[in-house]
Amino acid sequence: MTAEAALRHYLCACQSRIETALDQVLPHATTQPERLHAAMRYATLDGGKRVRAVLVYGAGRALNLSPDRLDPPACAIELIHAYSLLHDDLPAMDDDPLRRGKPSCHVEFDEATAILAGDSLQALAFKVLCQNQTLQGYPDKRVEMIETLAIASGSRGMAGGQAMDLDAVGKELNLAQLENMHIHKTGALIRASVRLGTLSTPEEDGAKSRALDHYAKCIGLAFQVQDDILDVGGDTQTLGKTTGKDQAAEKPTYPALLGMQEARNMAQRLCEEATASLESLDEKADPLRWLAGYIIKRSH
């Protein structure tokens, strides 16, 4: 089996697993308040690449952990990601009517319901970690997981990055400023995904954790570079969201700053650095190696 075929198989397995796990932790649509719970399920299920969940599973696999131990943190990270996309699409933020190939939550329901659904998904993510039975007897690990996700989600992570992004509209940023913004906006949650995987083992190997963290830092930035490339060169139907919005909104991007070819070169360099950081890990880390290449070659 080629690496590409092996990655497709692994992605499908992880995507199927996380979809089932999310279906179980989300309130049923018939539970009161029905409209809110329906919106939460609409925004979370049946869509997305699940890259962040795959990173949780991949990091855990590299450390020889069973997928059962990884379901709770994988669910938590996907719930936070779904909430972030839901709020990003709101009229006050990116004002995007399309997400994952279907109407955004505020379009399908209404703006107030979408805001409450995002709030509720964020809260549910922390509930899932608090009730994580796989770390029973290891309270310090559970607390560190919660802290990791909280920092990655808040003003020192994703929300802070979004604030920087909004503030940068119409301004020219240099490369260091652009990287700092995306280390927070996109990279923080991707880095947290890998960290949650490493925290799922009671006996943590410091050297392996550091290698995995450097990998995550590199692919987090590479992911955003590729997103910027797709916003310019992709098409709305394939991407599942509106293309060209960053340019129309006068947002700073890697292609705008570096040119398209140099942006592609940067993504490739980050992919190679990410893969090199896994040299000390055996073949169980192969899905992470494959994923690094997928992130810079994806078309959506």
C-alpha atoms as a PDB file:
ATOM      1  CA  MET A   1       0.000   0.000   0.000  1.00  0.00           C
ATOM      2  CA  THR A   2       1.363   3.407  -0.961  1.00  0.00           C
ATOM      3  CA  ALA A   3       1.726   6.161   1.640  1.00  0.00           C
ATOM      4  CA  GLU A   4      -1.100   8.073  -0.039  1.00  0.00           C
ATOM      5  CA  ALA A   5      -3.425   5.062   0.129  1.00  0.00           C
ATOM      6  CA  ALA A   6      -2.398   4.331   3.713  1.00  0.00           C
ATOM      7  CA  LEU A   7      -3.170   7.927   4.702  1.00  0.00           C
ATOM      8  CA  ARG A   8      -6.595   7.786   3.022  1.00  0.00           C
ATOM      9  CA  HIS A   9      -7.361   4.607   4.941  1.00  0.00           C
ATOM     10  CA  TYR A  10      -6.175   6.124   8.221  1.00  0.00           C
ATOM     11  CA  LEU A  11      -8.086   9.379   7.676  1.00  0.00           C
ATOM     12  CA  CYS A  12     -11.297   7.484   6.912  1.00  0.00           C
ATOM     13  CA  ALA A  13     -10.892   5.353  10.031  1.00  0.00           C
ATOM     14  CA  CYS A  14     -10.265   8.373  12.258  1.00  0.00           C
ATOM     15  CA  GLN A  15     -13.051  10.413  10.673  1.00  0.00           C
ATOM     16  CA  SER A  16     -15.542   7.581  11.152  1.00  0.00           C
ATOM     17  CA  ARG A  17     -14.437   7.093  14.744  1.00  0.00           C
ATOM     18  CA  ILE A  18     -14.658  10.773  15.724  1.00  0.00           C
ATOM     19  CA  GLU A  19     -18.033  11.163  14.013  1.00  0.00           C
ATOM     20  CA  THR A  20     -19.426   8.333  16.152  1.00  0.00           C
ATOM     21  CA  ALA A  21     -17.834   9.723  19.303  1.00  0.00           C
ATOM     22  CA  LEU A  22     -19.156  13.249  18.661  1.00  0.00           C
ATOM     23  CA  ASP A  23     -22.639  11.912  17.961  1.00  0.00           C
ATOM     24  CA  GLN A  24     -22.572  10.300  21.409  1.00  0.00           C
ATOM     25  CA  VAL A  25     -21.374  13.343  23.372  1.00  0.00           C
ATOM     26  CA  LEU A  26     -23.613  15.923  21.669  1.00  0.00           C
ATOM     27  CA  PRO A  27     -27.116  16.355  23.137  1.00  0.00           C
ATOM     28  CA  HIS A  28     -29.815  14.786  20.999  1.00  0.00           C
ATOM     29  CA  ALA A  29     -31.786  17.173  18.797  1.00  0.00           C
ATOM     30  CA  THR A  30     -35.017  16.186  20.539  1.00  0.00           C
ATOM     31  CA  THR A  31     -33.666  17.235  23.963  1.00  0.00           C
ATOM     32  CA  GLN A  32     -34.800  20.655  25.168  1.00  0.00           C
ATOM     33  CA  PRO A  33     -33.972  23.270  24.015  1.00  0.00           C
ATOM     34  CA  GLU A  34     -34.413  21.428  20.717  1.00  0.00           C
ATOM     35  CA  ARG A  35     -33.464  24.243  18.334  1.00  0.00           C
ATOM     36  CA  LEU A  36     -30.212  24.965  20.164  1.00  0.00           C
ATOM     37  CA  HIS A  37     -29.220  21.294  20.261  1.00  0.00           C
ATOM     38  CA  ALA A  38     -30.124  20.879  16.603  1.00  0.00           C
ATOM     39  CA  ALA A  39     -27.841  23.822  15.752  1.00  0.00           C
ATOM     40  CA  MET A  40     -24.991  22.343  17.781  1.00  0.00           C
ATOM     41  CA  ARG A  41     -25.277  19.046  15.916  1.00  0.00           C
ATOM     42  CA  TYR A  42     -25.637  20.806  12.556  1.00  0.00           C
ATOM     43  CA  ALA A  43     -22.432  22.785  13.112  1.00  0.00           C
ATOM     44  CA  THR A  44     -20.418  19.789  14.316  1.00  0.00           C
ATOM     45  CA  LEU A  45     -21.496  16.605  12.536  1.00  0.00           C
ATOM     46  CA  ASP A  46     -21.357  15.440   8.916  1.00  0.00           C
ATOM     47  CA  GLY A  47     -18.497  17.517   7.630  1.00  0.00           C
ATOM     48  CA  GLY A  48     -14.926  18.671   7.895  1.00  0.00           C
ATOM     49  CA  LYS A  49     -11.561  17.040   7.444  1.00  0.00           C
ATOM     50  CA  ARG A  50     -11.216  16.339  11.181  1.00  0.00           C
ATOM     51  CA  VAL A  51      -7.507  17.157  10.962  1.00  0.00           C
ATOM     52  CA  ARG A  52      -7.335  18.130  14.628  1.00  0.00           C
ATOM     53  CA  ALA A  53      -8.924  14.895  15.804  1.00  0.00           C
ATOM     54  CA  VAL A  54      -6.640  12.938  13.474  1.00  0.00           C
ATOM     55  CA  LEU A  55      -3.669  14.694  15.097  1.00  0.00           C
ATOM     56  CA  VAL A  56      -4.867  13.602  18.557  1.00  0.00           C
ATOM     57  CA  TYR A  57      -5.187  10.004  17.347  1.00  0.00           C
ATOM     58  CA  GLY A  58      -1.900  10.186  15.430  1.00  0.00           C
ATOM     59  CA  ALA A  59       0.080  11.549  18.388  1.00  0.00           C
ATOM     60  CA  GLY A  60      -1.429   8.885  20.639  1.00  0.00           C
ATOM     61  CA  ARG A  61      -0.637   6.152  18.126  1.00  0.00           C
ATOM     62  CA  ALA A  62       2.972   7.339  17.943  1.00  0.00           C
ATOM     63  CA  LEU A  63       3.097   6.751  21.715  1.00  0.00           C
ATOM     64  CA  ASN A  64       1.433   3.327  21.415  1.00  0.00           C
ATOM     65  CA  LEU A  65      -1.900   4.378  22.946  1.00  0.00           C
ATOM     66  CA  SER A  66      -5.217   2.737  22.102  1.00  0.00           C
ATOM     67  CA  PRO A  67      -7.808   4.880  20.291  1.00  0.00           C
ATOM     68  CA  ASP A  68     -10.211   4.440  23.234  1.00  0.00           C
ATOM     69  CA  ARG A  69      -7.950   6.619  25.375  1.00  0.00           C
ATOM     70  CA  LEU A  70      -7.962   9.304  22.700  1.00  0.00           C
ATOM     71  CA  ASP A  71     -11.680   9.670  21.990  1.00  0.00           C
ATOM     72  CA  PRO A  72     -12.371  12.245  24.761  1.00  0.00           C
ATOM     73  CA  PRO A  73      -9.574  14.698  23.836  1.00  0.00           C
ATOM     74  CA  ALA A  74     -10.320  14.205  20.120  1.00  0.00           C
ATOM     75  CA  CYS A  75     -13.964  15.110  20.769  1.00  0.00           C
ATOM     76  CA  ALA A  76     -12.984  18.117  22.873  1.00  0.00           C
ATOM     77  CA  ILE A  77     -10.704  19.555  20.207  1.00  0.00           C
ATOM     78  CA  GLU A  78     -13.313  19.071  17.466  1.00  0.00           C
ATOM     79  CA  LEU A  79     -16.008  20.732  19.583  1.00  0.00           C
ATOM     80  CA  ILE A  80     -13.764  23.761  20.097  1.00  0.00           C
ATOM     81  CA  HIS A  81     -12.956  23.838  16.390  1.00  0.00           C
ATOM     82  CA  ALA A  82     -16.646  23.637  15.436  1.00  0.00           C
ATOM     83  CA  TYR A  83     -17.458  26.483  17.823  1.00  0.00           C
ATOM     84  CA  SER A  84     -14.662  28.602  16.350  1.00  0.00           C
ATOM     85  CA  LEU A  85     -15.872  28.091  12.782  1.00  0.00           C
ATOM     86  CA  LEU A  86     -19.448  28.838  13.793  1.00  0.00           C
ATOM     87  CA  HIS A  87     -18.451  32.142  15.382  1.00  0.00           C
ATOM     88  CA  ASP A  88     -15.966  33.001  12.595  1.00  0.00           C
ATOM     89  CA  ASP A  89     -18.788  32.820  10.042  1.00  0.00           C
ATOM     90  CA  LEU A  90     -21.026  35.278  11.913  1.00  0.00           C
ATOM     91  CA  PRO A  91     -21.851  38.651  10.273  1.00  0.00           C
ATOM     92  CA  ALA A  92     -19.793  40.487  12.906  1.00  0.00           C
ATOM     93  CA  MET A  93     -16.710  38.379  12.085  1.00  0.00           C
ATOM     94  CA  ASP A  94     -15.968  36.944   8.614  1.00  0.00           C
ATOM     95  CA  ASP A  95     -19.625  37.117   7.503  1.00  0.00           C
ATOM     96  CA  ASP A  96     -19.512  33.891   5.485  1.00  0.00           C
ATOM     97  CA  PRO A  97     -22.752  32.186   4.410  1.00  0.00           C
ATOM     98  CA  LEU A  98     -21.070  28.876   3.503  1.00  0.00           C
ATOM     99  CA  ARG A  99     -19.231  26.336   5.664  1.00  0.00           C
ATOM    100  CA  ARG A 100     -18.269  22.746   4.852  1.00  0.00           C
ATOM    101  CA  GLY A 101     -20.300  22.895   1.666  1.00  0.00           C
ATOM    102  CA  LYS A 102     -23.583  23.848   3.332  1.00  0.00           C
ATOM    103  CA  PRO A 103     -25.184  27.037   4.693  1.00  0.00           C
ATOM    104  CA  SER A 104     -23.409  28.403   7.770  1.00  0.00           C
ATOM    105  CA  CYS A 105     -25.174  27.833  11.071  1.00  0.00           C
ATOM    106  CA  HIS A 106     -26.444  31.412  11.364  1.00  0.00           C
ATOM    107  CA  VAL A 107     -27.938  31.102   7.870  1.00  0.00           C
ATOM    108  CA  GLU A 108     -29.567  27.717   8.480  1.00  0.00           C
ATOM    109  CA  PHE A 109     -30.915  28.742  11.898  1.00  0.00           C
ATOM    110  CA  ASP A 110     -30.470  32.383  12.975  1.00  0.00           C
ATOM    111  CA  GLU A 111     -27.709  34.549  14.377  1.00  0.00           C
ATOM    112  CA  ALA A 112     -28.754  34.358  18.023  1.00  0.00           C
ATOM    113  CA  THR A 113     -29.060  30.561  17.911  1.00  0.00           C
ATOM    114  CA  ALA A 114     -25.670  30.300  16.211  1.00  0.00           C
ATOM    115  CA  ILE A 115     -24.007  32.380  18.939  1.00  0.00           C
ATOM    116  CA  LEU A 116     -25.566  30.247  21.667  1.00  0.00           C
ATOM    117  CA  ALA A 117     -24.647  27.048  19.831  1.00  0.00           C
ATOM    118  CA  GLY A 118     -21.009  28.175  19.688  1.00  0.00           C
ATOM    119  CA  ASP A 119     -21.034  29.051  23.381  1.00  0.00           C
ATOM    120  CA  SER A 120     -22.535  25.657  24.198  1.00  0.00           C
ATOM    121  CA  LEU A 121     -20.031  23.706  22.076  1.00  0.00           C
ATOM    122  CA  GLN A 122     -17.161  25.424  23.866  1.00  0.00           C
ATOM    123  CA  ALA A 123     -18.603  24.542  27.269  1.00  0.00           C
ATOM    124  CA  LEU A 124     -19.268  20.951  26.192  1.00  0.00           C
ATOM    125  CA  ALA A 125     -15.619  20.511  25.183  1.00  0.00           C
ATOM    126  CA  PHE A 126     -14.465  21.148  28.741  1.00  0.00           C
ATOM    127  CA  LYS A 127     -17.207  18.934  30.158  1.00  0.00           C
ATOM    128  CA  VAL A 128     -15.906  16.084  27.988  1.00  0.00           C
ATOM    129  CA  LEU A 129     -12.381  16.523  29.366  1.00  0.00           C
ATOM    130  CA  CYS A 130     -13.631  16.798  32.954  1.00  0.00           C
ATOM    131  CA  GLN A 131     -15.486  13.505  32.578  1.00  0.00           C
ATOM    132  CA  ASN A 132     -12.625  11.718  30.794  1.00  0.00           C
ATOM    133  CA  GLN A 133     -12.572   8.340  32.537  1.00  0.00           C
ATOM    134  CA  THR A 134      -9.419   7.161  30.767  1.00  0.00           C
ATOM    135  CA  LEU A 135      -7.376   9.403  33.097  1.00  0.00           C
ATOM    136  CA  GLN A 136      -9.086   8.242  36.271  1.00  0.00           C
ATOM    137  CA  GLY A 137      -6.426   8.219  38.955  1.00  0.00           C
ATOM    138  CA  TYR A 138      -4.334  10.839  37.163  1.00  0.00           C
ATOM    139  CA  PRO A 139      -5.917  14.183  38.154  1.00  0.00           C
ATOM    140  CA  ASP A 140      -2.808  16.188  37.249  1.00  0.00           C
ATOM    141  CA  LYS A 141      -3.010  14.953  33.642  1.00  0.00           C
ATOM    142  CA  ARG A 142      -6.701  15.806  33.449  1.00  0.00           C
ATOM    143  CA  VAL A 143      -6.054  19.334  34.746  1.00  0.00           C
ATOM    144  CA  GLU A 144      -3.172  19.830  32.297  1.00  0.00           C
ATOM    145  CA  MET A 145      -5.427  18.760  29.424  1.00  0.00           C
ATOM    146  CA  ILE A 146      -8.060  21.291  30.470  1.00  0.00           C
ATOM    147  CA  GLU A 147      -5.441  24.026  30.847  1.00  0.00           C
ATOM    148  CA  THR A 148      -3.891  23.193  27.457  1.00  0.00           C
ATOM    149  CA  LEU A 149      -7.231  23.481  25.681  1.00  0.00           C
ATOM    150  CA  ALA A 150      -8.215  26.638  27.587  1.00  0.00           C
ATOM    151  CA  ILE A 151      -4.995  28.460  26.682  1.00  0.00           C
ATOM    152  CA  ALA A 152      -5.158  27.340  23.045  1.00  0.00           C
ATOM    153  CA  SER A 153      -8.771  28.524  22.757  1.00  0.00           C
ATOM    154  CA  GLY A 154      -8.578  31.879  24.529  1.00  0.00           C
ATOM    155  CA  SER A 155      -6.917  35.258  24.210  1.00  0.00           C
ATOM    156  CA  ARG A 156      -3.434  33.704  24.251  1.00  0.00           C
ATOM    157  CA  GLY A 157      -4.417  31.347  21.451  1.00  0.00           C
ATOM    158  CA  MET A 158      -7.178  31.081  18.867  1.00  0.00           C
ATOM    159  CA  ALA A 159      -9.419  33.950  20.042  1.00  0.00           C
ATOM    160  CA  GLY A 160      -6.403  36.229  20.372  1.00  0.00           C
ATOM    161  CA  GLY A 161      -5.316  35.299  16.862  1.00  0.00           C
ATOM    162  CA  GLN A 162      -8.762  36.104  15.524  1.00  0.00           C
ATOM    163  CA  ALA A 163      -8.595  39.505  17.235  1.00  0.00           C
ATOM    164  CA  MET A 164      -5.214  40.134  15.565  1.00  0.00           C
ATOM    165  CA  ASP A 165      -6.706  39.045  12.242  1.00  0.00           C
ATOM    166  CA  LEU A 166      -9.590  41.501  12.521  1.00  0.00           C
ATOM    167  CA  ASP A 167      -7.234  44.279  13.569  1.00  0.00           C
ATOM    168  CA  ALA A 168      -4.966  43.578  10.567  1.00  0.00           C
ATOM    169  CA  VAL A 169      -7.640  44.263   7.943  1.00  0.00           C
ATOM    170  CA  GLY A 170      -6.366  46.879   5.514  1.00  0.00           C
ATOM    171  CA  LYS A 171      -2.895  46.906   7.080  1.00  0.00           C
ATOM    172  CA  GLU A 172       0.452  45.655   5.820  1.00  0.00           C
ATOM    173  CA  LEU A 173       2.157  43.130   8.109  1.00  0.00           C
ATOM    174  CA  ASN A 174       5.701  41.863   7.835  1.00  0.00           C
ATOM    175  CA  LEU A 175       6.425  38.125   7.855  1.00  0.00           C
ATOM    176  CA  ALA A 176       7.104  37.954  11.603  1.00  0.00           C
ATOM    177  CA  GLN A 177       3.821  39.735  12.395  1.00  0.00           C
ATOM    178  CA  LEU A 178       1.865  37.493  10.027  1.00  0.00           C
ATOM    179  CA  GLU A 179       3.411  34.353  11.535  1.00  0.00           C
ATOM    180  CA  ASN A 180       2.672  35.550  15.062  1.00  0.00           C
ATOM    181  CA  MET A 181      -0.974  36.103  14.160  1.00  0.00           C
ATOM    182  CA  HIS A 182      -1.370  32.635  12.670  1.00  0.00           C
ATOM    183  CA  ILE A 183       0.614  30.879  15.408  1.00  0.00           C
ATOM    184  CA  HIS A 184      -2.255  32.056  17.590  1.00  0.00           C
ATOM    185  CA  LYS A 185      -5.236  31.912  15.225  1.00  0.00           C
ATOM    186  CA  THR A 186      -4.654  28.499  13.601  1.00  0.00           C
ATOM    187  CA  GLY A 187      -1.498  27.037  15.072  1.00  0.00           C
ATOM    188  CA  ALA A 188      -2.512  27.105  18.731  1.00  0.00           C
ATOM    189  CA  LEU A 189      -5.371  24.636  18.339  1.00  0.00           C
ATOM    190  CA  ILE A 190      -3.376  22.354  16.043  1.00  0.00           C
ATOM    191  CA  ARG A 191      -0.504  22.350  18.527  1.00  0.00           C
ATOM    192  CA  ALA A 192      -2.971  21.634  21.338  1.00  0.00           C
ATOM    193  CA  SER A 193      -4.352  18.673  19.369  1.00  0.00           C
ATOM    194  CA  VAL A 194      -0.976  16.948  19.425  1.00  0.00           C
ATOM    195  CA  ARG A 195      -0.387  17.945  23.038  1.00  0.00           C
ATOM    196  CA  LEU A 196      -3.702  16.410  24.118  1.00  0.00           C
ATOM    197  CA  GLY A 197      -2.602  13.191  22.447  1.00  0.00           C
ATOM    198  CA  THR A 198       0.688  13.146  24.351  1.00  0.00           C
ATOM    199  CA  LEU A 199      -1.075  13.957  27.632  1.00  0.00           C
ATOM    200  CA  SER A 200      -3.274  10.893  27.218  1.00  0.00           C
ATOM    201  CA  THR A 201      -0.485   8.648  28.489  1.00  0.00           C
ATOM    202  CA  PRO A 202       0.139   8.577  32.261  1.00  0.00           C
ATOM    203  CA  GLU A 203       3.863   7.954  31.720  1.00  0.00           C
ATOM    204  CA  GLU A 204       4.987  10.774  29.453  1.00  0.00           C
ATOM    205  CA  ASP A 205       8.290  10.579  27.543  1.00  0.00           C
ATOM    206  CA  GLY A 206       9.706  14.113  27.582  1.00  0.00           C
ATOM    207  CA  ALA A 207      11.908  13.730  24.490  1.00  0.00           C
ATOM    208  CA  LYS A 208       9.081  12.278  22.392  1.00  0.00           C
ATOM    209  CA  SER A 209       6.673  14.949  23.602  1.00  0.00           C
ATOM    210  CA  ARG A 210       9.091  17.711  22.587  1.00  0.00           C
ATOM    211  CA  ALA A 211       9.561  16.139  19.143  1.00  0.00           C
ATOM    212  CA  LEU A 212       5.804  15.904  18.666  1.00  0.00           C
ATOM    213  CA  ASP A 213       5.307  19.489  19.832  1.00  0.00           C
ATOM    214  CA  HIS A 214       7.840  20.804  17.295  1.00  0.00           C
ATOM    215  CA  TYR A 215       6.089  18.779  14.601  1.00  0.00           C
ATOM    216  CA  ALA A 216       2.773  20.363  15.599  1.00  0.00           C
ATOM    217  CA  LYS A 217       4.227  23.883  15.576  1.00  0.00           C
ATOM    218  CA  CYS A 218       5.474  23.408  12.013  1.00  0.00           C
ATOM    219  CA  ILE A 219       2.323  21.880  10.558  1.00  0.00           C
ATOM    220  CA  GLY A 220       0.144  24.431  12.336  1.00  0.00           C
ATOM    221  CA  LEU A 221       1.843  27.189  10.376  1.00  0.00           C
ATOM    222  CA  ALA A 222       1.936  25.112   7.185  1.00  0.00           C
ATOM    223  CA  PHE A 223      -1.819  24.561   7.487  1.00  0.00           C
ATOM    224  CA  GLN A 224      -2.469  28.307   7.494  1.00  0.00           C
ATOM    225  CA  VAL A 225      -0.096  28.948   4.590  1.00  0.00           C
ATOM    226  CA  GLN A 226      -1.991  26.362   2.545  1.00  0.00           C
ATOM    227  CA  ASP A 227      -5.326  27.877   3.609  1.00  0.00           C
ATOM    228  CA  ASP A 228      -4.146  31.241   2.289  1.00  0.00           C
ATOM    229  CA  ILE A 229      -3.051  29.610  -0.975  1.00  0.00           C
ATOM    230  CA  LEU A 230      -6.418  27.900  -1.391  1.00  0.00           C
ATOM    231  CA  ASP A 231      -8.284  31.131  -0.692  1.00  0.00           C
ATOM    232  CA  VAL A 232      -6.554  32.583  -3.761  1.00  0.00           C
ATOM    233  CA  GLY A 233      -6.269  29.568  -6.038  1.00  0.00           C
ATOM    234  CA  GLY A 234      -9.089  27.262  -4.917  1.00  0.00           C
ATOM    235  CA  ASP A 235     -12.734  27.163  -5.912  1.00  0.00           C
ATOM    236  CA  THR A 236     -15.740  27.541  -3.647  1.00  0.00           C
ATOM    237  CA  GLN A 237     -17.351  24.193  -4.515  1.00  0.00           C
ATOM    238  CA  THR A 238     -14.229  22.143  -3.766  1.00  0.00           C
ATOM    239  CA  LEU A 239     -13.220  24.190  -0.740  1.00  0.00           C
ATOM    240  CA  GLY A 240     -16.703  24.141   0.819  1.00  0.00           C
ATOM    241  CA  LYS A 241     -16.444  27.791   1.823  1.00  0.00           C
ATOM    242  CA  THR A 242     -16.305  31.089  -0.030  1.00  0.00           C
ATOM    243  CA  THR A 243     -12.961  31.728  -1.733  1.00  0.00           C
ATOM    244  CA  GLY A 244     -11.359  35.103  -2.325  1.00  0.00           C
ATOM    245  CA  LYS A 245     -12.775  36.569   0.886  1.00  0.00           C
ATOM    246  CA  ASP A 246      -9.379  37.386   2.408  1.00  0.00           C
ATOM    247  CA  GLN A 247      -8.348  39.442  -0.605  1.00  0.00           C
ATOM    248  CA  ALA A 248     -11.739  41.138  -0.806  1.00  0.00           C
ATOM    249  CA  ALA A 249     -11.535  42.009   2.886  1.00  0.00           C
ATOM    250  CA  GLU A 250      -7.968  43.311   2.474  1.00  0.00           C
ATOM    251  CA  LYS A 251      -6.558  40.789   4.941  1.00  0.00           C
ATOM    252  CA  PRO A 252      -2.807  40.121   4.964  1.00  0.00           C
ATOM    253  CA  THR A 253      -1.962  36.657   3.620  1.00  0.00           C
ATOM    254  CA  TYR A 254       1.160  34.685   2.753  1.00  0.00           C
ATOM    255  CA  PRO A 255       0.590  34.822  -1.044  1.00  0.00           C
ATOM    256  CA  ALA A 256       0.008  38.578  -0.830  1.00  0.00           C
ATOM    257  CA  LEU A 257       3.162  39.110   1.209  1.00  0.00           C
ATOM    258  CA  LEU A 258       5.504  36.554  -0.399  1.00  0.00           C
ATOM    259  CA  GLY A 259       3.960  35.762  -3.766  1.00  0.00           C
ATOM    260  CA  MET A 260       2.242  32.475  -4.595  1.00  0.00           C
ATOM    261  CA  GLN A 261       5.354  30.445  -5.409  1.00  0.00           C
ATOM    262  CA  GLU A 262       7.281  31.514  -2.309  1.00  0.00           C
ATOM    263  CA  ALA A 263       4.202  30.767  -0.181  1.00  0.00           C
ATOM    264  CA  ARG A 264       4.185  27.245  -1.649  1.00  0.00           C
ATOM    265  CA  ASN A 265       7.917  26.946  -0.954  1.00  0.00           C
ATOM    266  CA  MET A 266       7.373  28.026   2.640  1.00  0.00           C
ATOM    267  CA  ALA A 267       4.666  25.396   3.138  1.00  0.00           C
ATOM    268  CA  GLN A 268       7.006  22.746   1.708  1.00  0.00           C
ATOM    269  CA  ARG A 269       9.858  23.777   4.021  1.00  0.00           C
ATOM    270  CA  LEU A 270       7.573  23.613   7.050  1.00  0.00           C
ATOM    271  CA  CYS A 271       6.369  20.169   5.983  1.00  0.00           C
ATOM    272  CA  GLU A 272       9.941  18.925   5.700  1.00  0.00           C
ATOM    273  CA  GLU A 273      10.874  20.381   9.090  1.00  0.00           C
ATOM    274  CA  ALA A 274       7.810  18.774  10.674  1.00  0.00           C
ATOM    275  CA  THR A 275       8.704  15.375   9.233  1.00  0.00           C
ATOM    276  CA  ALA A 276      12.353  15.706  10.291  1.00  0.00           C
ATOM    277  CA  SER A 277      11.286  16.324  13.892  1.00  0.00           C
ATOM    278  CA  LEU A 278       9.819  12.795  14.004  1.00  0.00           C
ATOM    279  CA  GLU A 279      13.117  11.040  13.186  1.00  0.00           C
ATOM    280  CA  SER A 280      13.401   9.598  16.703  1.00  0.00           C
ATOM    281  CA  LEU A 281       9.959   7.961  16.457  1.00  0.00           C
ATOM    282  CA  ASP A 282       9.259   4.598  14.835  1.00  0.00           C
ATOM    283  CA  GLU A 283       6.727   3.565  12.195  1.00  0.00           C
ATOM    284  CA  LYS A 284       3.812   4.164  14.567  1.00  0.00           C
ATOM    285  CA  ALA A 285       4.330   7.864  13.807  1.00  0.00           C
ATOM    286  CA  ASP A 286       3.890   7.287  10.065  1.00  0.00           C
ATOM    287  CA  PRO A 287       0.337   8.722   9.978  1.00  0.00           C
ATOM    288  CA  LEU A 288       1.757  12.008  11.282  1.00  0.00           C
ATOM    289  CA  ARG A 289       4.417  11.936   8.567  1.00  0.00           C
ATOM    290  CA  TRP A 290       1.784  11.292   5.905  1.00  0.00           C
ATOM    291  CA  LEU A 291      -0.444  13.990   7.342  1.00  0.00           C
ATOM    292  CA  ALA A 292       2.267  16.637   7.039  1.00  0.00           C
ATOM    293  CA  GLY A 293       2.358  16.068   3.285  1.00  0.00           C
ATOM    294  CA  TYR A 294      -1.409  15.979   3.021  1.00  0.00           C
ATOM    295  CA  ILE A 295      -1.782  19.353   4.740  1.00  0.00           C
ATOM    296  CA  ILE A 296       0.223  21.185   2.065  1.00  0.00           C
ATOM    297  CA  LYS A 297      -1.230  19.230  -0.871  1.00  0.00           C
ATOM    298  CA  ARG A 298      -4.924  19.329   0.073  1.00  0.00           C
ATOM    299  CA  SER A 299      -7.436  21.072  -2.159  1.00  0.00           C
ATOM    300  CA  HIS A 300      -9.980  21.828   0.587  1.00  0.00           C
END
